[in-house]
Amino acid sequence: METIIQKALKLLLDKFGTEYDCVTISEENGHYRANIECESPARLIGKGGETLQSIQTLLKNILFAQNKENLFVTVDIDNYRKDQEDKIIQKGERYVNTLREKGLAEIKLPPMSPYFRRVIHMWVLHTFPDLQSDSVGEGQERAVRVFYK
């Protein structure tokens, strides 16, 4: 599957005339991560990561059309998204520490995108056996709530 993802992503980048140095694919627990290394990452990332998100969406659609199955693929540019994930997890750690230190029953993180809510949900699931999380709110105000099981 890594080879199929790599070929599809390279084809997509070539169609857009995008210059890149290397595309690497890794897999962990059925989650594929494609990292594009290039000299001008800002062009591929776009304002607030919008271009990066569009590339990811296009890649997922191409892969679905080829394989008729949904794959969980994250596209990253020079580890931009990985750095953002690390920052959101650090923020989550501060909130979990507050939850524990103040003896709160639950704590709500600030609103965030569906992608980063999923990052927090997976982090809570795999890091804290005594905690769980869900999403609360609507639209732009949707946020993660962390609470004891």
N, C-alpha and C. Protein backbone atom coordinates (compact mmCIF):
# COMPACT_ATOMS: atom_id res chain seq x y z
N MET A 1 0.82 -1.20 0.00
CA MET A 1 0.00 0.00 0.00
C MET A 1 0.87 1.27 0.00
N GLU A 2 2.02 1.21 0.69
CA GLU A 2 2.91 2.37 0.74
C GLU A 2 3.32 2.80 -0.67
N THR A 3 3.62 1.82 -1.53
CA THR A 3 4.05 2.11 -2.90
C THR A 3 2.91 2.77 -3.68
N ILE A 4 1.69 2.28 -3.51
CA ILE A 4 0.53 2.84 -4.20
C ILE A 4 0.31 4.29 -3.78
N ILE A 5 0.41 4.55 -2.47
CA ILE A 5 0.23 5.91 -1.96
C ILE A 5 1.33 6.82 -2.50
N GLN A 6 2.56 6.34 -2.48
CA GLN A 6 3.68 7.15 -2.97
C GLN A 6 3.52 7.50 -4.45
N LYS A 7 3.16 6.52 -5.26
CA LYS A 7 2.98 6.77 -6.69
C LYS A 7 1.84 7.76 -6.95
N ALA A 8 0.73 7.60 -6.24
CA ALA A 8 -0.42 8.49 -6.42
C ALA A 8 -0.06 9.91 -6.01
N LEU A 9 0.65 10.07 -4.91
CA LEU A 9 1.02 11.40 -4.44
C LEU A 9 2.02 12.05 -5.40
N LYS A 10 2.99 11.28 -5.87
CA LYS A 10 3.96 11.84 -6.83
C LYS A 10 3.25 12.26 -8.12
N LEU A 11 2.31 11.47 -8.58
CA LEU A 11 1.55 11.81 -9.78
C LEU A 11 0.77 13.12 -9.57
N LEU A 12 0.14 13.24 -8.42
CA LEU A 12 -0.62 14.45 -8.08
C LEU A 12 0.30 15.67 -8.05
N LEU A 13 1.44 15.55 -7.40
CA LEU A 13 2.39 16.67 -7.31
C LEU A 13 2.94 17.04 -8.68
N ASP A 14 3.22 16.03 -9.50
CA ASP A 14 3.73 16.28 -10.85
C ASP A 14 2.69 16.99 -11.71
N LYS A 15 1.42 16.62 -11.58
CA LYS A 15 0.33 17.25 -12.34
C LYS A 15 0.22 18.74 -12.01
N PHE A 16 0.51 19.09 -10.76
CA PHE A 16 0.45 20.49 -10.34
C PHE A 16 1.75 21.23 -10.66
N GLY A 17 2.75 20.51 -11.17
CA GLY A 17 4.04 21.12 -11.47
C GLY A 17 4.79 21.51 -10.22
N THR A 18 4.58 20.79 -9.15
CA THR A 18 5.19 21.08 -7.87
C THR A 18 6.59 20.47 -7.80
N GLU A 19 7.54 21.28 -7.36
CA GLU A 19 8.90 20.78 -7.17
C GLU A 19 9.02 20.22 -5.76
N TYR A 20 9.57 19.03 -5.66
CA TYR A 20 9.77 18.39 -4.36
C TYR A 20 11.03 17.53 -4.45
N ASP A 21 11.64 17.27 -3.31
CA ASP A 21 12.86 16.49 -3.27
C ASP A 21 12.58 15.01 -3.06
N CYS A 22 11.65 14.71 -2.16
CA CYS A 22 11.45 13.32 -1.76
C CYS A 22 10.04 13.15 -1.18
N VAL A 23 9.45 11.99 -1.43
CA VAL A 23 8.17 11.62 -0.81
C VAL A 23 8.41 10.30 -0.08
N THR A 24 8.18 10.31 1.24
CA THR A 24 8.34 9.08 2.02
C THR A 24 7.00 8.71 2.64
N ILE A 25 6.77 7.41 2.73
CA ILE A 25 5.53 6.89 3.29
C ILE A 25 5.88 5.98 4.46
N SER A 26 5.16 6.15 5.55
CA SER A 26 5.31 5.24 6.69
C SER A 26 3.92 4.78 7.11
N GLU A 27 3.88 3.68 7.86
CA GLU A 27 2.60 3.13 8.30
C GLU A 27 2.71 2.69 9.75
N GLU A 28 1.68 3.02 10.52
CA GLU A 28 1.62 2.58 11.91
C GLU A 28 0.17 2.30 12.25
N ASN A 29 -0.13 1.07 12.59
CA ASN A 29 -1.49 0.65 12.96
C ASN A 29 -2.55 1.03 11.92
N GLY A 30 -2.23 0.84 10.65
CA GLY A 30 -3.19 1.12 9.59
C GLY A 30 -3.31 2.59 9.23
N HIS A 31 -2.51 3.45 9.84
CA HIS A 31 -2.50 4.88 9.55
C HIS A 31 -1.24 5.17 8.74
N TYR A 32 -1.46 5.67 7.53
CA TYR A 32 -0.34 5.99 6.65
C TYR A 32 0.00 7.46 6.77
N ARG A 33 1.30 7.75 6.75
CA ARG A 33 1.77 9.13 6.81
C ARG A 33 2.69 9.35 5.62
N ALA A 34 2.34 10.32 4.79
CA ALA A 34 3.16 10.69 3.63
C ALA A 34 3.83 12.02 3.93
N ASN A 35 5.14 12.08 3.86
CA ASN A 35 5.86 13.32 4.10
C ASN A 35 6.55 13.75 2.81
N ILE A 36 6.31 14.97 2.41
CA ILE A 36 6.90 15.55 1.22
C ILE A 36 8.00 16.50 1.66
N GLU A 37 9.20 16.26 1.17
CA GLU A 37 10.31 17.16 1.47
C GLU A 37 10.54 18.05 0.25
N CYS A 38 10.63 19.36 0.50
CA CYS A 38 10.83 20.29 -0.61
C CYS A 38 11.55 21.54 -0.12
N GLU A 39 12.02 22.33 -1.09
CA GLU A 39 12.76 23.54 -0.74
C GLU A 39 11.86 24.71 -0.37
N SER A 40 10.64 24.75 -0.90
CA SER A 40 9.73 25.84 -0.58
C SER A 40 8.42 25.28 -0.01
N PRO A 41 8.46 24.84 1.25
CA PRO A 41 7.28 24.20 1.84
C PRO A 41 6.08 25.13 1.99
N ALA A 42 6.31 26.44 2.14
CA ALA A 42 5.19 27.36 2.36
C ALA A 42 4.20 27.31 1.21
N ARG A 43 4.67 27.13 -0.01
CA ARG A 43 3.79 27.08 -1.17
C ARG A 43 2.86 25.87 -1.10
N LEU A 44 3.38 24.74 -0.65
CA LEU A 44 2.57 23.53 -0.55
C LEU A 44 1.70 23.50 0.70
N ILE A 45 2.13 24.18 1.73
CA ILE A 45 1.35 24.21 2.98
C ILE A 45 0.17 25.16 2.84
N GLY A 46 0.41 26.33 2.29
CA GLY A 46 -0.65 27.33 2.12
C GLY A 46 -1.00 28.01 3.43
N LYS A 47 -1.85 29.00 3.35
CA LYS A 47 -2.25 29.76 4.54
C LYS A 47 -3.02 28.85 5.50
N GLY A 48 -2.52 28.73 6.70
CA GLY A 48 -3.17 27.91 7.72
C GLY A 48 -3.25 26.43 7.36
N GLY A 49 -2.41 25.99 6.42
CA GLY A 49 -2.40 24.58 6.03
C GLY A 49 -3.49 24.21 5.05
N GLU A 50 -4.15 25.21 4.43
CA GLU A 50 -5.27 24.92 3.53
C GLU A 50 -4.85 24.14 2.29
N THR A 51 -3.72 24.50 1.69
CA THR A 51 -3.25 23.78 0.49
C THR A 51 -2.87 22.36 0.87
N LEU A 52 -2.20 22.21 1.99
CA LEU A 52 -1.84 20.88 2.48
C LEU A 52 -3.08 20.02 2.67
N GLN A 53 -4.11 20.58 3.27
CA GLN A 53 -5.36 19.84 3.48
C GLN A 53 -5.99 19.45 2.15
N SER A 54 -5.93 20.34 1.17
CA SER A 54 -6.49 20.05 -0.15
C SER A 54 -5.73 18.91 -0.83
N ILE A 55 -4.41 18.92 -0.71
CA ILE A 55 -3.59 17.84 -1.28
C ILE A 55 -3.99 16.52 -0.63
N GLN A 56 -4.16 16.53 0.68
CA GLN A 56 -4.54 15.32 1.40
C GLN A 56 -5.90 14.81 0.94
N THR A 57 -6.86 15.72 0.79
CA THR A 57 -8.20 15.33 0.34
C THR A 57 -8.16 14.74 -1.06
N LEU A 58 -7.44 15.39 -1.97
CA LEU A 58 -7.31 14.87 -3.33
C LEU A 58 -6.66 13.49 -3.34
N LEU A 59 -5.62 13.32 -2.55
CA LEU A 59 -4.95 12.02 -2.48
C LEU A 59 -5.91 10.94 -1.98
N LYS A 60 -6.67 11.24 -0.93
CA LYS A 60 -7.63 10.26 -0.41
C LYS A 60 -8.67 9.89 -1.45
N ASN A 61 -9.14 10.88 -2.22
CA ASN A 61 -10.12 10.60 -3.27
C ASN A 61 -9.54 9.74 -4.38
N ILE A 62 -8.30 10.01 -4.76
CA ILE A 62 -7.63 9.19 -5.78
C ILE A 62 -7.48 7.76 -5.29
N LEU A 63 -7.03 7.60 -4.06
CA LEU A 63 -6.82 6.26 -3.51
C LEU A 63 -8.14 5.51 -3.39
N PHE A 64 -9.21 6.22 -3.00
CA PHE A 64 -10.51 5.56 -2.90
C PHE A 64 -10.99 5.11 -4.27
N ALA A 65 -10.80 5.96 -5.28
CA ALA A 65 -11.22 5.60 -6.65
C ALA A 65 -10.45 4.37 -7.16
N GLN A 66 -9.19 4.27 -6.76
CA GLN A 66 -8.37 3.14 -7.22
C GLN A 66 -8.68 1.85 -6.45
N ASN A 67 -8.89 1.96 -5.16
CA ASN A 67 -8.96 0.77 -4.29
C ASN A 67 -10.33 0.49 -3.70
N LYS A 68 -11.28 1.41 -3.84
CA LYS A 68 -12.63 1.25 -3.30
C LYS A 68 -12.64 1.00 -1.78
N GLU A 69 -11.67 1.58 -1.09
CA GLU A 69 -11.66 1.50 0.37
C GLU A 69 -11.11 2.80 0.93
N ASN A 70 -11.64 3.20 2.08
CA ASN A 70 -11.15 4.41 2.74
C ASN A 70 -9.88 4.08 3.50
N LEU A 71 -8.86 4.87 3.26
CA LEU A 71 -7.60 4.72 3.98
C LEU A 71 -7.39 5.95 4.84
N PHE A 72 -6.78 5.75 5.99
CA PHE A 72 -6.44 6.91 6.81
C PHE A 72 -5.03 7.32 6.43
N VAL A 73 -4.93 8.42 5.66
CA VAL A 73 -3.66 8.93 5.17
C VAL A 73 -3.50 10.37 5.61
N THR A 74 -2.37 10.67 6.20
CA THR A 74 -2.03 12.03 6.55
C THR A 74 -0.90 12.48 5.65
N VAL A 75 -1.08 13.62 5.00
CA VAL A 75 -0.03 14.19 4.16
C VAL A 75 0.63 15.31 4.96
N ASP A 76 1.95 15.31 4.94
CA ASP A 76 2.72 16.30 5.68
C ASP A 76 3.76 16.91 4.74
N ILE A 77 4.15 18.13 5.01
CA ILE A 77 5.18 18.82 4.24
C ILE A 77 6.29 19.20 5.20
N ASP A 78 7.47 18.62 5.01
CA ASP A 78 8.62 18.90 5.87
C ASP A 78 8.25 18.86 7.36
N ASN A 79 7.41 17.91 7.73
CA ASN A 79 6.97 17.67 9.11
C ASN A 79 6.23 18.86 9.74
N TYR A 80 5.63 19.70 8.91
CA TYR A 80 4.82 20.82 9.40
C TYR A 80 3.66 20.32 10.26
N ARG A 81 2.93 19.35 9.73
CA ARG A 81 1.75 18.83 10.45
C ARG A 81 2.19 18.10 11.72
N LYS A 82 3.29 17.36 11.65
CA LYS A 82 3.79 16.64 12.82
C LYS A 82 4.11 17.62 13.94
N ASP A 83 4.73 18.74 13.58
CA ASP A 83 5.03 19.77 14.58
C ASP A 83 3.75 20.33 15.20
N GLN A 84 2.72 20.53 14.37
CA GLN A 84 1.44 21.02 14.90
C GLN A 84 0.80 19.98 15.82
N GLU A 85 0.89 18.70 15.44
CA GLU A 85 0.35 17.63 16.29
C GLU A 85 1.05 17.63 17.64
N ASP A 86 2.38 17.78 17.62
CA ASP A 86 3.14 17.80 18.88
C ASP A 86 2.70 18.97 19.75
N LYS A 87 2.45 20.13 19.13
CA LYS A 87 2.02 21.31 19.90
C LYS A 87 0.63 21.10 20.50
N ILE A 88 -0.27 20.48 19.74
CA ILE A 88 -1.63 20.27 20.26
C ILE A 88 -1.61 19.24 21.38
N ILE A 89 -0.74 18.26 21.30
CA ILE A 89 -0.61 17.27 22.38
C ILE A 89 -0.02 17.93 23.62
N GLN A 90 0.95 18.83 23.44
CA GLN A 90 1.49 19.56 24.59
C GLN A 90 0.39 20.37 25.27
N LYS A 91 -0.46 20.99 24.48
CA LYS A 91 -1.59 21.74 25.03
C LYS A 91 -2.52 20.78 25.79
N GLY A 92 -2.78 19.62 25.19
CA GLY A 92 -3.60 18.60 25.84
C GLY A 92 -3.01 18.16 27.17
N GLU A 93 -1.68 18.02 27.21
CA GLU A 93 -1.02 17.63 28.46
C GLU A 93 -1.26 18.67 29.55
N ARG A 94 -1.19 19.93 29.18
CA ARG A 94 -1.45 20.99 30.18
C ARG A 94 -2.87 20.89 30.71
N TYR A 95 -3.83 20.64 29.83
CA TYR A 95 -5.22 20.52 30.26
C TYR A 95 -5.44 19.28 31.13
N VAL A 96 -4.83 18.16 30.76
CA VAL A 96 -4.96 16.95 31.57
C VAL A 96 -4.32 17.16 32.94
N ASN A 97 -3.17 17.83 32.98
CA ASN A 97 -2.53 18.13 34.27
C ASN A 97 -3.44 19.00 35.13
N THR A 98 -4.10 19.98 34.53
CA THR A 98 -5.04 20.84 35.26
C THR A 98 -6.21 20.01 35.79
N LEU A 99 -6.73 19.11 34.94
CA LEU A 99 -7.82 18.23 35.35
C LEU A 99 -7.45 17.45 36.61
N ARG A 100 -6.26 16.87 36.60
CA ARG A 100 -5.80 16.04 37.74
C ARG A 100 -5.46 16.90 38.96
N GLU A 101 -4.72 17.98 38.75
CA GLU A 101 -4.26 18.80 39.88
C GLU A 101 -5.41 19.48 40.61
N LYS A 102 -6.43 19.91 39.88
CA LYS A 102 -7.55 20.61 40.50
C LYS A 102 -8.68 19.67 40.89
N GLY A 103 -8.53 18.38 40.58
CA GLY A 103 -9.56 17.41 40.93
C GLY A 103 -10.87 17.62 40.19
N LEU A 104 -10.79 18.11 38.98
CA LEU A 104 -12.00 18.35 38.19
C LEU A 104 -12.56 17.04 37.65
N ALA A 105 -13.84 17.01 37.40
CA ALA A 105 -14.48 15.83 36.82
C ALA A 105 -14.24 15.76 35.32
N GLU A 106 -14.12 16.93 34.69
CA GLU A 106 -13.89 16.98 33.25
C GLU A 106 -13.25 18.32 32.91
N ILE A 107 -12.68 18.39 31.72
CA ILE A 107 -12.10 19.64 31.23
C ILE A 107 -12.31 19.70 29.72
N LYS A 108 -12.57 20.91 29.24
CA LYS A 108 -12.82 21.10 27.81
C LYS A 108 -11.66 21.89 27.21
N LEU A 109 -11.09 21.35 26.13
CA LEU A 109 -10.04 22.03 25.42
C LEU A 109 -10.64 23.08 24.49
N PRO A 110 -9.85 24.01 24.00
CA PRO A 110 -10.38 25.01 23.07
C PRO A 110 -10.87 24.36 21.77
N PRO A 111 -11.78 25.01 21.05
CA PRO A 111 -12.25 24.46 19.78
C PRO A 111 -11.09 24.22 18.82
N MET A 112 -11.21 23.16 18.01
CA MET A 112 -10.17 22.83 17.04
C MET A 112 -10.78 22.08 15.87
N SER A 113 -9.99 21.91 14.85
CA SER A 113 -10.45 21.24 13.63
C SER A 113 -10.71 19.76 13.90
N PRO A 114 -11.49 19.12 13.04
CA PRO A 114 -11.74 17.68 13.20
C PRO A 114 -10.44 16.86 13.23
N TYR A 115 -9.48 17.25 12.42
CA TYR A 115 -8.21 16.52 12.38
C TYR A 115 -7.53 16.55 13.75
N PHE A 116 -7.41 17.73 14.34
CA PHE A 116 -6.73 17.84 15.62
C PHE A 116 -7.55 17.28 16.77
N ARG A 117 -8.88 17.31 16.65
CA ARG A 117 -9.69 16.61 17.67
C ARG A 117 -9.37 15.12 17.64
N ARG A 118 -9.25 14.57 16.45
CA ARG A 118 -8.92 13.14 16.33
C ARG A 118 -7.54 12.86 16.93
N VAL A 119 -6.58 13.75 16.70
CA VAL A 119 -5.25 13.59 17.30
C VAL A 119 -5.36 13.50 18.82
N ILE A 120 -6.15 14.40 19.42
CA ILE A 120 -6.32 14.41 20.88
C ILE A 120 -7.04 13.15 21.34
N HIS A 121 -8.11 12.76 20.64
CA HIS A 121 -8.84 11.54 21.02
C HIS A 121 -7.91 10.33 21.02
N MET A 122 -7.10 10.18 19.99
CA MET A 122 -6.20 9.03 19.89
C MET A 122 -5.12 9.10 20.97
N TRP A 123 -4.64 10.29 21.25
CA TRP A 123 -3.62 10.47 22.29
C TRP A 123 -4.18 10.09 23.66
N VAL A 124 -5.38 10.57 23.98
CA VAL A 124 -6.01 10.22 25.26
C VAL A 124 -6.22 8.71 25.35
N LEU A 125 -6.76 8.13 24.29
CA LEU A 125 -7.03 6.69 24.27
C LEU A 125 -5.78 5.86 24.54
N HIS A 126 -4.67 6.23 23.93
CA HIS A 126 -3.45 5.43 24.03
C HIS A 126 -2.53 5.82 25.19
N THR A 127 -2.83 6.94 25.86
CA THR A 127 -1.93 7.42 26.91
C THR A 127 -2.50 7.30 28.31
N PHE A 128 -3.82 7.44 28.44
CA PHE A 128 -4.43 7.51 29.77
C PHE A 128 -5.52 6.46 29.92
N PRO A 129 -5.21 5.33 30.56
CA PRO A 129 -6.22 4.29 30.71
C PRO A 129 -7.41 4.69 31.59
N ASP A 130 -7.24 5.72 32.43
CA ASP A 130 -8.32 6.13 33.32
C ASP A 130 -9.15 7.29 32.76
N LEU A 131 -8.80 7.78 31.57
CA LEU A 131 -9.51 8.91 30.97
C LEU A 131 -10.14 8.52 29.64
N GLN A 132 -11.12 9.30 29.24
CA GLN A 132 -11.69 9.16 27.90
C GLN A 132 -12.04 10.55 27.40
N SER A 133 -12.38 10.62 26.12
CA SER A 133 -12.69 11.91 25.53
C SER A 133 -13.85 11.79 24.57
N ASP A 134 -14.50 12.92 24.33
CA ASP A 134 -15.51 13.00 23.29
C ASP A 134 -15.51 14.42 22.76
N SER A 135 -16.25 14.64 21.70
CA SER A 135 -16.36 15.98 21.11
C SER A 135 -17.69 16.59 21.50
N VAL A 136 -17.65 17.87 21.84
CA VAL A 136 -18.85 18.60 22.23
C VAL A 136 -18.92 19.91 21.46
N GLY A 137 -20.12 20.44 21.30
CA GLY A 137 -20.30 21.71 20.61
C GLY A 137 -20.64 21.50 19.15
N GLU A 138 -20.85 22.59 18.47
CA GLU A 138 -21.27 22.56 17.07
C GLU A 138 -20.36 23.44 16.23
N GLY A 139 -20.19 23.07 14.97
CA GLY A 139 -19.48 23.88 14.00
C GLY A 139 -18.09 24.28 14.43
N GLN A 140 -17.80 25.58 14.31
CA GLN A 140 -16.48 26.11 14.65
C GLN A 140 -16.18 26.04 16.15
N GLU A 141 -17.20 25.82 16.95
CA GLU A 141 -17.04 25.75 18.40
C GLU A 141 -16.86 24.32 18.92
N ARG A 142 -16.77 23.34 18.03
CA ARG A 142 -16.62 21.94 18.43
C ARG A 142 -15.26 21.74 19.08
N ALA A 143 -15.28 21.10 20.24
CA ALA A 143 -14.06 20.94 21.04
C ALA A 143 -14.02 19.55 21.66
N VAL A 144 -12.88 19.22 22.24
CA VAL A 144 -12.69 17.94 22.92
C VAL A 144 -12.91 18.13 24.40
N ARG A 145 -13.65 17.19 24.97
CA ARG A 145 -13.88 17.15 26.42
C ARG A 145 -13.17 15.91 26.94
N VAL A 146 -12.38 16.04 27.99
CA VAL A 146 -11.65 14.92 28.60
C VAL A 146 -12.21 14.72 29.99
N PHE A 147 -12.49 13.46 30.34
CA PHE A 147 -13.10 13.15 31.64
C PHE A 147 -12.70 11.76 32.08
N TYR A 148 -12.96 11.46 33.35
CA TYR A 148 -12.63 10.14 33.90
C TYR A 148 -13.64 9.11 33.45
N LYS A 149 -13.16 7.88 33.29
CA LYS A 149 -14.05 6.78 32.91
C LYS A 149 -14.99 6.44 34.04
